[in-house]
Each structure stands twice: as structure tokens, then as C-alpha cells.
Amino acid sequence: MPLNDTNFRILYVWPLFFFFNIFGEELFWRGYIQPGQELLNKQYTWVVHGSLWALWHLPMGLDLVISVIPILYILPLIVQIRKNTTISIVIHFVFGAFGFLALALGLVR
């Protein structure tokens, strides 16, 4: 639900939570899990990884998972090709920030 006068204070702690959520998730998924998967799945790691990441986000709602399907597969592919998690952190950060702001401002439900 959109932020109002009673819950507007959440914006004070949101940057800290957001940083650890995005940074932590990227380090865990792309920095730790994906390299291990690359040993097992070789060139198809991005498909397996993206599918598992979709399952990870399923508790947030099927609508969300469907709407972010391209990112679920593009981020692991970029990391697999570039061998660098920085771009995935930036992209995840941008998408997450716009999503949160859209919810906080009541643009989506």
C-alpha cells in the first residue's frame, strides 16, 4: 500500500535495508551460487540460474515474477559472460528502486 502520514517514516530506514537486500542478494546469487553452477551447467548456467532465481522471488507474487522474467535471465547471462557482478548490482538496484517508489507512491498495487 502507498505510504501515508502514519507509515512515511519507513523511508528513513529504507536506504539501509535496500542496500543490504540488493547487495546481499547479488553477492549470494551471482557471486556465490552462480560460479558453482557454472562448473555444473557450463554454457546453460544462466537458464538454470534464472529459473531458480524466479522460484526464489515467487513468494513475492506471480505477477512480479512474470513482469521481471527478462531480468531474471539477463542478469545471470551478463555475469556469466563478463565474470563481474557489478553490472548486475547496478541493474538490480535500479529496478528495485523504481519498483519500491512505484509502490510507495501508489502508482501500482
PDB file of N, CA and C in Angstrom:
ATOM      1  N   MET A   1       0.823  -1.179   0.000  1.00  0.00           N
ATOM      2  CA  MET A   1       0.000   0.000   0.000  1.00  0.00           C
ATOM      3  C   MET A   1       0.872   1.250   0.000  1.00  0.00           C
ATOM      4  N   PRO A   2       0.347   2.330  -0.536  1.00  0.00           N
ATOM      5  CA  PRO A   2       1.145   3.558  -0.613  1.00  0.00           C
ATOM      6  C   PRO A   2       1.479   4.100   0.774  1.00  0.00           C
ATOM      7  N   LEU A   3       2.590   4.779   0.837  1.00  0.00           N
ATOM      8  CA  LEU A   3       2.982   5.417   2.095  1.00  0.00           C
ATOM      9  C   LEU A   3       2.065   6.595   2.375  1.00  0.00           C
ATOM     10  N   ASN A   4       1.758   6.784   3.660  1.00  0.00           N
ATOM     11  CA  ASN A   4       0.958   7.936   4.069  1.00  0.00           C
ATOM     12  C   ASN A   4       1.612   8.562   5.301  1.00  0.00           C
ATOM     13  N   ASP A   5       0.905   9.462   5.956  1.00  0.00           N
ATOM     14  CA  ASP A   5       1.494  10.162   7.100  1.00  0.00           C
ATOM     15  C   ASP A   5       1.874   9.227   8.241  1.00  0.00           C
ATOM     16  N   THR A   6       1.172   8.120   8.421  1.00  0.00           N
ATOM     17  CA  THR A   6       1.456   7.232   9.552  1.00  0.00           C
ATOM     18  C   THR A   6       2.624   6.290   9.298  1.00  0.00           C
ATOM     19  N   ASN A   7       2.877   5.921   8.060  1.00  0.00           N
ATOM     20  CA  ASN A   7       3.982   4.985   7.787  1.00  0.00           C
ATOM     21  C   ASN A   7       5.070   5.596   6.904  1.00  0.00           C
ATOM     22  N   PHE A   8       5.090   6.899   6.802  1.00  0.00           N
ATOM     23  CA  PHE A   8       6.075   7.584   5.968  1.00  0.00           C
ATOM     24  C   PHE A   8       7.492   7.450   6.522  1.00  0.00           C
ATOM     25  N   ARG A   9       7.608   7.168   7.826  1.00  0.00           N
ATOM     26  CA  ARG A   9       8.930   7.030   8.470  1.00  0.00           C
ATOM     27  C   ARG A   9       9.737   5.864   7.906  1.00  0.00           C
ATOM     28  N   ILE A  10       9.087   4.950   7.219  1.00  0.00           N
ATOM     29  CA  ILE A  10       9.802   3.807   6.635  1.00  0.00           C
ATOM     30  C   ILE A  10      10.882   4.279   5.660  1.00  0.00           C
ATOM     31  N   LEU A  11      10.685   5.456   5.096  1.00  0.00           N
ATOM     32  CA  LEU A  11      11.684   5.990   4.159  1.00  0.00           C
ATOM     33  C   LEU A  11      13.028   6.269   4.827  1.00  0.00           C
ATOM     34  N   TYR A  12      13.041   6.446   6.137  1.00  0.00           N
ATOM     35  CA  TYR A  12      14.294   6.702   6.842  1.00  0.00           C
ATOM     36  C   TYR A  12      15.182   5.461   6.914  1.00  0.00           C
ATOM     37  N   VAL A  13      14.576   4.293   7.054  1.00  0.00           N
ATOM     38  CA  VAL A  13      15.349   3.055   7.158  1.00  0.00           C
ATOM     39  C   VAL A  13      15.450   2.318   5.824  1.00  0.00           C
ATOM     40  N   TRP A  14      14.647   2.728   4.860  1.00  0.00           N
ATOM     41  CA  TRP A  14      14.630   2.033   3.579  1.00  0.00           C
ATOM     42  C   TRP A  14      15.988   1.995   2.882  1.00  0.00           C
ATOM     43  N   PRO A  15      16.763   3.077   2.820  1.00  0.00           N
ATOM     44  CA  PRO A  15      18.052   3.002   2.120  1.00  0.00           C
ATOM     45  C   PRO A  15      18.986   1.933   2.686  1.00  0.00           C
ATOM     46  N   LEU A  16      19.042   1.796   3.996  1.00  0.00           N
ATOM     47  CA  LEU A  16      19.893   0.782   4.611  1.00  0.00           C
ATOM     48  C   LEU A  16      19.393  -0.626   4.272  1.00  0.00           C
ATOM     49  N   PHE A  17      18.106  -0.850   4.436  1.00  0.00           N
ATOM     50  CA  PHE A  17      17.523  -2.141   4.085  1.00  0.00           C
ATOM     51  C   PHE A  17      17.738  -2.444   2.605  1.00  0.00           C
ATOM     52  N   PHE A  18      17.481  -1.461   1.781  1.00  0.00           N
ATOM     53  CA  PHE A  18      17.594  -1.639   0.330  1.00  0.00           C
ATOM     54  C   PHE A  18      19.024  -2.004  -0.058  1.00  0.00           C
ATOM     55  N   PHE A  19      19.999  -1.324   0.517  1.00  0.00           N
ATOM     56  CA  PHE A  19      21.398  -1.620   0.216  1.00  0.00           C
ATOM     57  C   PHE A  19      21.729  -3.068   0.549  1.00  0.00           C
ATOM     58  N   PHE A  20      21.422  -3.486   1.776  1.00  0.00           N
ATOM     59  CA  PHE A  20      21.764  -4.848   2.182  1.00  0.00           C
ATOM     60  C   PHE A  20      20.956  -5.890   1.422  1.00  0.00           C
ATOM     61  N   ASN A  21      19.716  -5.577   1.095  1.00  0.00           N
ATOM     62  CA  ASN A  21      18.903  -6.515   0.334  1.00  0.00           C
ATOM     63  C   ASN A  21      19.471  -6.729  -1.058  1.00  0.00           C
ATOM     64  N   ILE A  22      19.690  -5.669  -1.801  1.00  0.00           N
ATOM     65  CA  ILE A  22      20.170  -5.776  -3.179  1.00  0.00           C
ATOM     66  C   ILE A  22      21.608  -6.277  -3.204  1.00  0.00           C
ATOM     67  N   PHE A  23      22.476  -5.641  -2.452  1.00  0.00           N
ATOM     68  CA  PHE A  23      23.885  -6.026  -2.441  1.00  0.00           C
ATOM     69  C   PHE A  23      24.052  -7.465  -1.952  1.00  0.00           C
ATOM     70  N   GLY A  24      23.345  -7.808  -0.880  1.00  0.00           N
ATOM     71  CA  GLY A  24      23.430  -9.162  -0.339  1.00  0.00           C
ATOM     72  C   GLY A  24      22.897 -10.212  -1.295  1.00  0.00           C
ATOM     73  N   GLU A  25      21.772  -9.920  -1.914  1.00  0.00           N
ATOM     74  CA  GLU A  25      21.190 -10.877  -2.857  1.00  0.00           C
ATOM     75  C   GLU A  25      22.106 -11.085  -4.057  1.00  0.00           C
ATOM     76  N   GLU A  26      22.663 -10.027  -4.570  1.00  0.00           N
ATOM     77  CA  GLU A  26      23.558 -10.155  -5.728  1.00  0.00           C
ATOM     78  C   GLU A  26      24.830 -10.910  -5.362  1.00  0.00           C
ATOM     79  N   LEU A  27      25.411 -10.607  -4.218  1.00  0.00           N
ATOM     80  CA  LEU A  27      26.619 -11.331  -3.816  1.00  0.00           C
ATOM     81  C   LEU A  27      26.330 -12.812  -3.597  1.00  0.00           C
ATOM     82  N   PHE A  28      25.169 -13.110  -3.004  1.00  0.00           N
ATOM     83  CA  PHE A  28      24.814 -14.507  -2.761  1.00  0.00           C
ATOM     84  C   PHE A  28      24.519 -15.243  -4.067  1.00  0.00           C
ATOM     85  N   TRP A  29      23.635 -14.669  -4.885  1.00  0.00           N
ATOM     86  CA  TRP A  29      23.213 -15.371  -6.108  1.00  0.00           C
ATOM     87  C   TRP A  29      24.284 -15.345  -7.191  1.00  0.00           C
ATOM     88  N   ARG A  30      24.769 -14.153  -7.536  1.00  0.00           N
ATOM     89  CA  ARG A  30      25.734 -14.049  -8.637  1.00  0.00           C
ATOM     90  C   ARG A  30      27.171 -14.257  -8.193  1.00  0.00           C
ATOM     91  N   GLY A  31      27.489 -13.928  -6.962  1.00  0.00           N
ATOM     92  CA  GLY A  31      28.865 -14.057  -6.504  1.00  0.00           C
ATOM     93  C   GLY A  31      29.210 -15.413  -5.922  1.00  0.00           C
ATOM     94  N   TYR A  32      28.218 -16.107  -5.360  1.00  0.00           N
ATOM     95  CA  TYR A  32      28.490 -17.377  -4.695  1.00  0.00           C
ATOM     96  C   TYR A  32      27.852 -18.572  -5.422  1.00  0.00           C
ATOM     97  N   ILE A  33      26.564 -18.509  -5.671  1.00  0.00           N
ATOM     98  CA  ILE A  33      25.858 -19.649  -6.270  1.00  0.00           C
ATOM     99  C   ILE A  33      26.208 -19.827  -7.748  1.00  0.00           C
ATOM    100  N   GLN A  34      26.192 -18.736  -8.517  1.00  0.00           N
ATOM    101  CA  GLN A  34      26.404 -18.864  -9.964  1.00  0.00           C
ATOM    102  C   GLN A  34      27.753 -19.464 -10.339  1.00  0.00           C
ATOM    103  N   PRO A  35      28.862 -19.074  -9.726  1.00  0.00           N
ATOM    104  CA  PRO A  35      30.134 -19.715 -10.096  1.00  0.00           C
ATOM    105  C   PRO A  35      30.128 -21.236  -9.890  1.00  0.00           C
ATOM    106  N   GLY A  36      29.469 -21.685  -8.833  1.00  0.00           N
ATOM    107  CA  GLY A  36      29.354 -23.126  -8.619  1.00  0.00           C
ATOM    108  C   GLY A  36      28.491 -23.794  -9.672  1.00  0.00           C
ATOM    109  N   GLN A  37      27.444 -23.098 -10.081  1.00  0.00           N
ATOM    110  CA  GLN A  37      26.577 -23.637 -11.126  1.00  0.00           C
ATOM    111  C   GLN A  37      27.297 -23.699 -12.470  1.00  0.00           C
ATOM    112  N   GLU A  38      28.192 -22.765 -12.717  1.00  0.00           N
ATOM    113  CA  GLU A  38      28.915 -22.753 -13.984  1.00  0.00           C
ATOM    114  C   GLU A  38      29.772 -24.007 -14.146  1.00  0.00           C
ATOM    115  N   LEU A  39      30.276 -24.526 -13.039  1.00  0.00           N
ATOM    116  CA  LEU A  39      31.045 -25.764 -13.103  1.00  0.00           C
ATOM    117  C   LEU A  39      30.163 -26.937 -13.522  1.00  0.00           C
ATOM    118  N   LEU A  40      28.914 -26.891 -13.121  1.00  0.00           N
ATOM    119  CA  LEU A  40      27.986 -27.984 -13.377  1.00  0.00           C
ATOM    120  C   LEU A  40      27.226 -27.825 -14.696  1.00  0.00           C
ATOM    121  N   ASN A  41      26.751 -26.629 -14.976  1.00  0.00           N
ATOM    122  CA  ASN A  41      25.851 -26.399 -16.116  1.00  0.00           C
ATOM    123  C   ASN A  41      26.509 -25.753 -17.329  1.00  0.00           C
ATOM    124  N   LYS A  42      27.753 -25.368 -17.205  1.00  0.00           N
ATOM    125  CA  LYS A  42      28.541 -24.771 -18.299  1.00  0.00           C
ATOM    126  C   LYS A  42      27.801 -23.603 -18.954  1.00  0.00           C
ATOM    127  N   GLN A  43      27.582 -23.666 -20.260  1.00  0.00           N
ATOM    128  CA  GLN A  43      27.031 -22.536 -21.010  1.00  0.00           C
ATOM    129  C   GLN A  43      25.551 -22.283 -20.728  1.00  0.00           C
ATOM    130  N   TYR A  44      24.867 -23.216 -20.092  1.00  0.00           N
ATOM    131  CA  TYR A  44      23.440 -23.054 -19.807  1.00  0.00           C
ATOM    132  C   TYR A  44      23.181 -22.600 -18.374  1.00  0.00           C
ATOM    133  N   THR A  45      24.215 -22.188 -17.685  1.00  0.00           N
ATOM    134  CA  THR A  45      24.073 -21.747 -16.294  1.00  0.00           C
ATOM    135  C   THR A  45      23.053 -20.631 -16.165  1.00  0.00           C
ATOM    136  N   TRP A  46      23.069 -19.680 -17.075  1.00  0.00           N
ATOM    137  CA  TRP A  46      22.161 -18.538 -16.974  1.00  0.00           C
ATOM    138  C   TRP A  46      20.702 -18.964 -17.005  1.00  0.00           C
ATOM    139  N   VAL A  47      20.374 -20.046 -17.730  1.00  0.00           N
ATOM    140  CA  VAL A  47      18.992 -20.529 -17.790  1.00  0.00           C
ATOM    141  C   VAL A  47      18.605 -21.176 -16.458  1.00  0.00           C
ATOM    142  N   VAL A  48      19.458 -22.050 -15.953  1.00  0.00           N
ATOM    143  CA  VAL A  48      19.198 -22.725 -14.679  1.00  0.00           C
ATOM    144  C   VAL A  48      19.149 -21.697 -13.551  1.00  0.00           C
ATOM    145  N   HIS A  49      20.117 -20.800 -13.547  1.00  0.00           N
ATOM    146  CA  HIS A  49      20.219 -19.786 -12.504  1.00  0.00           C
ATOM    147  C   HIS A  49      19.002 -18.857 -12.518  1.00  0.00           C
ATOM    148  N   GLY A  50      18.606 -18.413 -13.693  1.00  0.00           N
ATOM    149  CA  GLY A  50      17.438 -17.534 -13.816  1.00  0.00           C
ATOM    150  C   GLY A  50      16.164 -18.222 -13.353  1.00  0.00           C
ATOM    151  N   SER A  51      16.029 -19.500 -13.651  1.00  0.00           N
ATOM    152  CA  SER A  51      14.842 -20.253 -13.228  1.00  0.00           C
ATOM    153  C   SER A  51      14.799 -20.399 -11.706  1.00  0.00           C
ATOM    154  N   LEU A  52      15.948 -20.679 -11.098  1.00  0.00           N
ATOM    155  CA  LEU A  52      15.998 -20.777  -9.639  1.00  0.00           C
ATOM    156  C   LEU A  52      15.743 -19.422  -8.979  1.00  0.00           C
ATOM    157  N   TRP A  53      16.249 -18.382  -9.595  1.00  0.00           N
ATOM    158  CA  TRP A  53      16.028 -17.039  -9.057  1.00  0.00           C
ATOM    159  C   TRP A  53      14.547 -16.673  -9.150  1.00  0.00           C
ATOM    160  N   ALA A  54      13.866 -17.134 -10.214  1.00  0.00           N
ATOM    161  CA  ALA A  54      12.423 -16.912 -10.340  1.00  0.00           C
ATOM    162  C   ALA A  54      11.681 -17.609  -9.197  1.00  0.00           C
ATOM    163  N   LEU A  55      12.072 -18.842  -8.885  1.00  0.00           N
ATOM    164  CA  LEU A  55      11.449 -19.559  -7.772  1.00  0.00           C
ATOM    165  C   LEU A  55      11.688 -18.833  -6.449  1.00  0.00           C
ATOM    166  N   TRP A  56      12.873 -18.275  -6.286  1.00  0.00           N
ATOM    167  CA  TRP A  56      13.226 -17.521  -5.081  1.00  0.00           C
ATOM    168  C   TRP A  56      12.284 -16.324  -4.897  1.00  0.00           C
ATOM    169  N   HIS A  57      11.902 -15.676  -6.002  1.00  0.00           N
ATOM    170  CA  HIS A  57      11.051 -14.494  -5.934  1.00  0.00           C
ATOM    171  C   HIS A  57       9.561 -14.831  -5.966  1.00  0.00           C
ATOM    172  N   LEU A  58       9.201 -16.077  -6.156  1.00  0.00           N
ATOM    173  CA  LEU A  58       7.797 -16.469  -6.252  1.00  0.00           C
ATOM    174  C   LEU A  58       6.962 -16.061  -5.027  1.00  0.00           C
ATOM    175  N   PRO A  59       7.483 -16.128  -3.802  1.00  0.00           N
ATOM    176  CA  PRO A  59       6.669 -15.671  -2.662  1.00  0.00           C
ATOM    177  C   PRO A  59       6.264 -14.197  -2.751  1.00  0.00           C
ATOM    178  N   MET A  60       6.950 -13.418  -3.572  1.00  0.00           N
ATOM    179  CA  MET A  60       6.594 -12.005  -3.738  1.00  0.00           C
ATOM    180  C   MET A  60       5.406 -11.835  -4.678  1.00  0.00           C
ATOM    181  N   GLY A  61       4.997 -12.919  -5.314  1.00  0.00           N
ATOM    182  CA  GLY A  61       3.826 -12.875  -6.187  1.00  0.00           C
ATOM    183  C   GLY A  61       4.162 -13.270  -7.612  1.00  0.00           C
ATOM    184  N   LEU A  62       3.259 -14.019  -8.207  1.00  0.00           N
ATOM    185  CA  LEU A  62       3.454 -14.467  -9.583  1.00  0.00           C
ATOM    186  C   LEU A  62       3.492 -13.292 -10.554  1.00  0.00           C
ATOM    187  N   ASP A  63       2.710 -12.242 -10.266  1.00  0.00           N
ATOM    188  CA  ASP A  63       2.713 -11.054 -11.135  1.00  0.00           C
ATOM    189  C   ASP A  63       4.109 -10.442 -11.219  1.00  0.00           C
ATOM    190  N   LEU A  64       4.782 -10.357 -10.076  1.00  0.00           N
ATOM    191  CA  LEU A  64       6.133  -9.803 -10.061  1.00  0.00           C
ATOM    192  C   LEU A  64       7.076 -10.671 -10.880  1.00  0.00           C
ATOM    193  N   VAL A  65       7.027 -11.969 -10.662  1.00  0.00           N
ATOM    194  CA  VAL A  65       7.935 -12.881 -11.365  1.00  0.00           C
ATOM    195  C   VAL A  65       7.716 -12.775 -12.870  1.00  0.00           C
ATOM    196  N   ILE A  66       6.471 -12.737 -13.306  1.00  0.00           N
ATOM    197  CA  ILE A  66       6.175 -12.628 -14.745  1.00  0.00           C
ATOM    198  C   ILE A  66       6.694 -11.304 -15.295  1.00  0.00           C
ATOM    199  N   SER A  67       6.538 -10.235 -14.536  1.00  0.00           N
ATOM    200  CA  SER A  67       6.957  -8.925 -15.038  1.00  0.00           C
ATOM    201  C   SER A  67       8.473  -8.757 -15.112  1.00  0.00           C
ATOM    202  N   VAL A  68       9.222  -9.540 -14.326  1.00  0.00           N
ATOM    203  CA  VAL A  68      10.681  -9.392 -14.335  1.00  0.00           C
ATOM    204  C   VAL A  68      11.393 -10.567 -15.019  1.00  0.00           C
ATOM    205  N   ILE A  69      10.660 -11.366 -15.771  1.00  0.00           N
ATOM    206  CA  ILE A  69      11.271 -12.514 -16.455  1.00  0.00           C
ATOM    207  C   ILE A  69      12.515 -12.128 -17.266  1.00  0.00           C
ATOM    208  N   PRO A  70      12.484 -11.052 -18.048  1.00  0.00           N
ATOM    209  CA  PRO A  70      13.706 -10.721 -18.802  1.00  0.00           C
ATOM    210  C   PRO A  70      14.922 -10.508 -17.899  1.00  0.00           C
ATOM    211  N   ILE A  71      14.743  -9.793 -16.803  1.00  0.00           N
ATOM    212  CA  ILE A  71      15.856  -9.516 -15.892  1.00  0.00           C
ATOM    213  C   ILE A  71      16.338 -10.787 -15.209  1.00  0.00           C
ATOM    214  N   LEU A  72      15.416 -11.704 -14.912  1.00  0.00           N
ATOM    215  CA  LEU A  72      15.790 -12.952 -14.253  1.00  0.00           C
ATOM    216  C   LEU A  72      16.804 -13.744 -15.067  1.00  0.00           C
ATOM    217  N   TYR A  73      16.767 -13.595 -16.370  1.00  0.00           N
ATOM    218  CA  TYR A  73      17.692 -14.333 -17.237  1.00  0.00           C
ATOM    219  C   TYR A  73      18.825 -13.464 -17.775  1.00  0.00           C
ATOM    220  N   ILE A  74      18.561 -12.183 -17.956  1.00  0.00           N
ATOM    221  CA  ILE A  74      19.595 -11.292 -18.497  1.00  0.00           C
ATOM    222  C   ILE A  74      20.729 -11.082 -17.492  1.00  0.00           C
ATOM    223  N   LEU A  75      20.394 -10.861 -16.202  1.00  0.00           N
ATOM    224  CA  LEU A  75      21.450 -10.628 -15.214  1.00  0.00           C
ATOM    225  C   LEU A  75      22.416 -11.800 -15.102  1.00  0.00           C
ATOM    226  N   PRO A  76      21.936 -13.048 -14.966  1.00  0.00           N
ATOM    227  CA  PRO A  76      22.896 -14.151 -14.899  1.00  0.00           C
ATOM    228  C   PRO A  76      23.715 -14.298 -16.185  1.00  0.00           C
ATOM    229  N   LEU A  77      23.104 -14.006 -17.323  1.00  0.00           N
ATOM    230  CA  LEU A  77      23.838 -14.095 -18.585  1.00  0.00           C
ATOM    231  C   LEU A  77      24.954 -13.055 -18.645  1.00  0.00           C
ATOM    232  N   ILE A  78      24.654 -11.835 -18.238  1.00  0.00           N
ATOM    233  CA  ILE A  78      25.672 -10.778 -18.228  1.00  0.00           C
ATOM    234  C   ILE A  78      26.825 -11.154 -17.298  1.00  0.00           C
ATOM    235  N   VAL A  79      26.485 -11.642 -16.108  1.00  0.00           N
ATOM    236  CA  VAL A  79      27.527 -12.025 -15.152  1.00  0.00           C
ATOM    237  C   VAL A  79      28.336 -13.201 -15.684  1.00  0.00           C
ATOM    238  N   GLN A  80      27.673 -14.140 -16.328  1.00  0.00           N
ATOM    239  CA  GLN A  80      28.384 -15.298 -16.879  1.00  0.00           C
ATOM    240  C   GLN A  80      29.356 -14.876 -17.977  1.00  0.00           C
ATOM    241  N   ILE A  81      28.943 -13.951 -18.814  1.00  0.00           N
ATOM    242  CA  ILE A  81      29.801 -13.501 -19.915  1.00  0.00           C
ATOM    243  C   ILE A  81      30.929 -12.612 -19.399  1.00  0.00           C
ATOM    244  N   ARG A  82      30.586 -11.639 -18.551  1.00  0.00           N
ATOM    245  CA  ARG A  82      31.561 -10.645 -18.098  1.00  0.00           C
ATOM    246  C   ARG A  82      32.405 -11.092 -16.902  1.00  0.00           C
ATOM    247  N   LYS A  83      31.937 -12.110 -16.178  1.00  0.00           N
ATOM    248  CA  LYS A  83      32.632 -12.571 -14.962  1.00  0.00           C
ATOM    249  C   LYS A  83      32.774 -11.434 -13.945  1.00  0.00           C
ATOM    250  N   ASN A  84      31.693 -10.635 -13.816  1.00  0.00           N
ATOM    251  CA  ASN A  84      31.707  -9.471 -12.942  1.00  0.00           C
ATOM    252  C   ASN A  84      30.288  -9.214 -12.447  1.00  0.00           C
ATOM    253  N   THR A  85      30.122  -9.041 -11.141  1.00  0.00           N
ATOM    254  CA  THR A  85      28.785  -8.827 -10.577  1.00  0.00           C
ATOM    255  C   THR A  85      28.390  -7.352 -10.484  1.00  0.00           C
ATOM    256  N   THR A  86      29.282  -6.447 -10.781  1.00  0.00           N
ATOM    257  CA  THR A  86      28.990  -5.022 -10.617  1.00  0.00           C
ATOM    258  C   THR A  86      27.788  -4.585 -11.440  1.00  0.00           C
ATOM    259  N   ILE A  87      27.730  -4.970 -12.695  1.00  0.00           N
ATOM    260  CA  ILE A  87      26.616  -4.541 -13.554  1.00  0.00           C
ATOM    261  C   ILE A  87      25.298  -5.113 -13.051  1.00  0.00           C
ATOM    262  N   SER A  88      25.323  -6.338 -12.519  1.00  0.00           N
ATOM    263  CA  SER A  88      24.073  -6.917 -12.009  1.00  0.00           C
ATOM    264  C   SER A  88      23.617  -6.188 -10.745  1.00  0.00           C
ATOM    265  N   ILE A  89      24.559  -5.741  -9.930  1.00  0.00           N
ATOM    266  CA  ILE A  89      24.202  -4.975  -8.736  1.00  0.00           C
ATOM    267  C   ILE A  89      23.535  -3.662  -9.142  1.00  0.00           C
ATOM    268  N   VAL A  90      24.103  -2.982 -10.112  1.00  0.00           N
ATOM    269  CA  VAL A  90      23.548  -1.696 -10.567  1.00  0.00           C
ATOM    270  C   VAL A  90      22.158  -1.884 -11.168  1.00  0.00           C
ATOM    271  N   ILE A  91      22.004  -2.873 -12.050  1.00  0.00           N
ATOM    272  CA  ILE A  91      20.706  -3.106 -12.689  1.00  0.00           C
ATOM    273  C   ILE A  91      19.665  -3.516 -11.659  1.00  0.00           C
ATOM    274  N   HIS A  92      20.012  -4.410 -10.756  1.00  0.00           N
ATOM    275  CA  HIS A  92      19.085  -4.845  -9.713  1.00  0.00           C
ATOM    276  C   HIS A  92      18.703  -3.664  -8.825  1.00  0.00           C
ATOM    277  N   PHE A  93      19.671  -2.815  -8.523  1.00  0.00           N
ATOM    278  CA  PHE A  93      19.423  -1.631  -7.713  1.00  0.00           C
ATOM    279  C   PHE A  93      18.415  -0.703  -8.388  1.00  0.00           C
ATOM    280  N   VAL A  94      18.613  -0.438  -9.669  1.00  0.00           N
ATOM    281  CA  VAL A  94      17.725   0.473 -10.410  1.00  0.00           C
ATOM    282  C   VAL A  94      16.312  -0.095 -10.485  1.00  0.00           C
ATOM    283  N   PHE A  95      16.185  -1.365 -10.877  1.00  0.00           N
ATOM    284  CA  PHE A  95      14.859  -1.969 -10.974  1.00  0.00           C
ATOM    285  C   PHE A  95      14.172  -2.018  -9.610  1.00  0.00           C
ATOM    286  N   GLY A  96      14.908  -2.361  -8.573  1.00  0.00           N
ATOM    287  CA  GLY A  96      14.341  -2.417  -7.230  1.00  0.00           C
ATOM    288  C   GLY A  96      13.903  -1.051  -6.735  1.00  0.00           C
ATOM    289  N   ALA A  97      14.699  -0.033  -7.008  1.00  0.00           N
ATOM    290  CA  ALA A  97      14.363   1.325  -6.569  1.00  0.00           C
ATOM    291  C   ALA A  97      13.103   1.823  -7.255  1.00  0.00           C
ATOM    292  N   PHE A  98      12.998   1.620  -8.561  1.00  0.00           N
ATOM    293  CA  PHE A  98      11.801   2.065  -9.276  1.00  0.00           C
ATOM    294  C   PHE A  98      10.570   1.283  -8.822  1.00  0.00           C
ATOM    295  N   GLY A  99      10.750   0.005  -8.551  1.00  0.00           N
ATOM    296  CA  GLY A  99       9.638  -0.802  -8.053  1.00  0.00           C
ATOM    297  C   GLY A  99       9.152  -0.323  -6.697  1.00  0.00           C
ATOM    298  N   PHE A 100      10.089  -0.068  -5.790  1.00  0.00           N
ATOM    299  CA  PHE A 100       9.715   0.407  -4.458  1.00  0.00           C
ATOM    300  C   PHE A 100       9.037   1.776  -4.551  1.00  0.00           C
ATOM    301  N   LEU A 101       9.590   2.674  -5.330  1.00  0.00           N
ATOM    302  CA  LEU A 101       8.997   4.004  -5.447  1.00  0.00           C
ATOM    303  C   LEU A 101       7.597   3.940  -6.050  1.00  0.00           C
ATOM    304  N   ALA A 102       7.406   3.061  -7.031  1.00  0.00           N
ATOM    305  CA  ALA A 102       6.073   2.910  -7.632  1.00  0.00           C
ATOM    306  C   ALA A 102       5.073   2.426  -6.586  1.00  0.00           C
ATOM    307  N   LEU A 103       5.507   1.488  -5.742  1.00  0.00           N
ATOM    308  CA  LEU A 103       4.616   1.011  -4.664  1.00  0.00           C
ATOM    309  C   LEU A 103       4.400   2.091  -3.607  1.00  0.00           C
ATOM    310  N   ALA A 104       5.471   2.751  -3.189  1.00  0.00           N
ATOM    311  CA  ALA A 104       5.393   3.745  -2.125  1.00  0.00           C
ATOM    312  C   ALA A 104       4.525   4.939  -2.527  1.00  0.00           C
ATOM    313  N   LEU A 105       4.554   5.300  -3.788  1.00  0.00           N
ATOM    314  CA  LEU A 105       3.776   6.440  -4.262  1.00  0.00           C
ATOM    315  C   LEU A 105       2.370   6.044  -4.708  1.00  0.00           C
ATOM    316  N   GLY A 106       2.073   4.748  -4.665  1.00  0.00           N
ATOM    317  CA  GLY A 106       0.734   4.289  -5.027  1.00  0.00           C
ATOM    318  C   GLY A 106       0.494   4.203  -6.521  1.00  0.00           C
ATOM    319  N   LEU A 107       1.557   4.145  -7.312  1.00  0.00           N
ATOM    320  CA  LEU A 107       1.399   4.043  -8.764  1.00  0.00           C
ATOM    321  C   LEU A 107       0.989   2.643  -9.206  1.00  0.00           C
ATOM    322  N   VAL A 108       1.370   1.631  -8.399  1.00  0.00           N
ATOM    323  CA  VAL A 108       0.971   0.242  -8.650  1.00  0.00           C
ATOM    324  C   VAL A 108       0.543  -0.374  -7.318  1.00  0.00           C
ATOM    325  N   ARG A 109      -0.177  -1.462  -7.411  1.00  0.00           N
ATOM    326  CA  ARG A 109      -0.605  -2.157  -6.183  1.00  0.00           C
ATOM    327  C   ARG A 109      -0.156  -3.565  -6.204  1.00  0.00           C
TER     328      ARG A 109
END
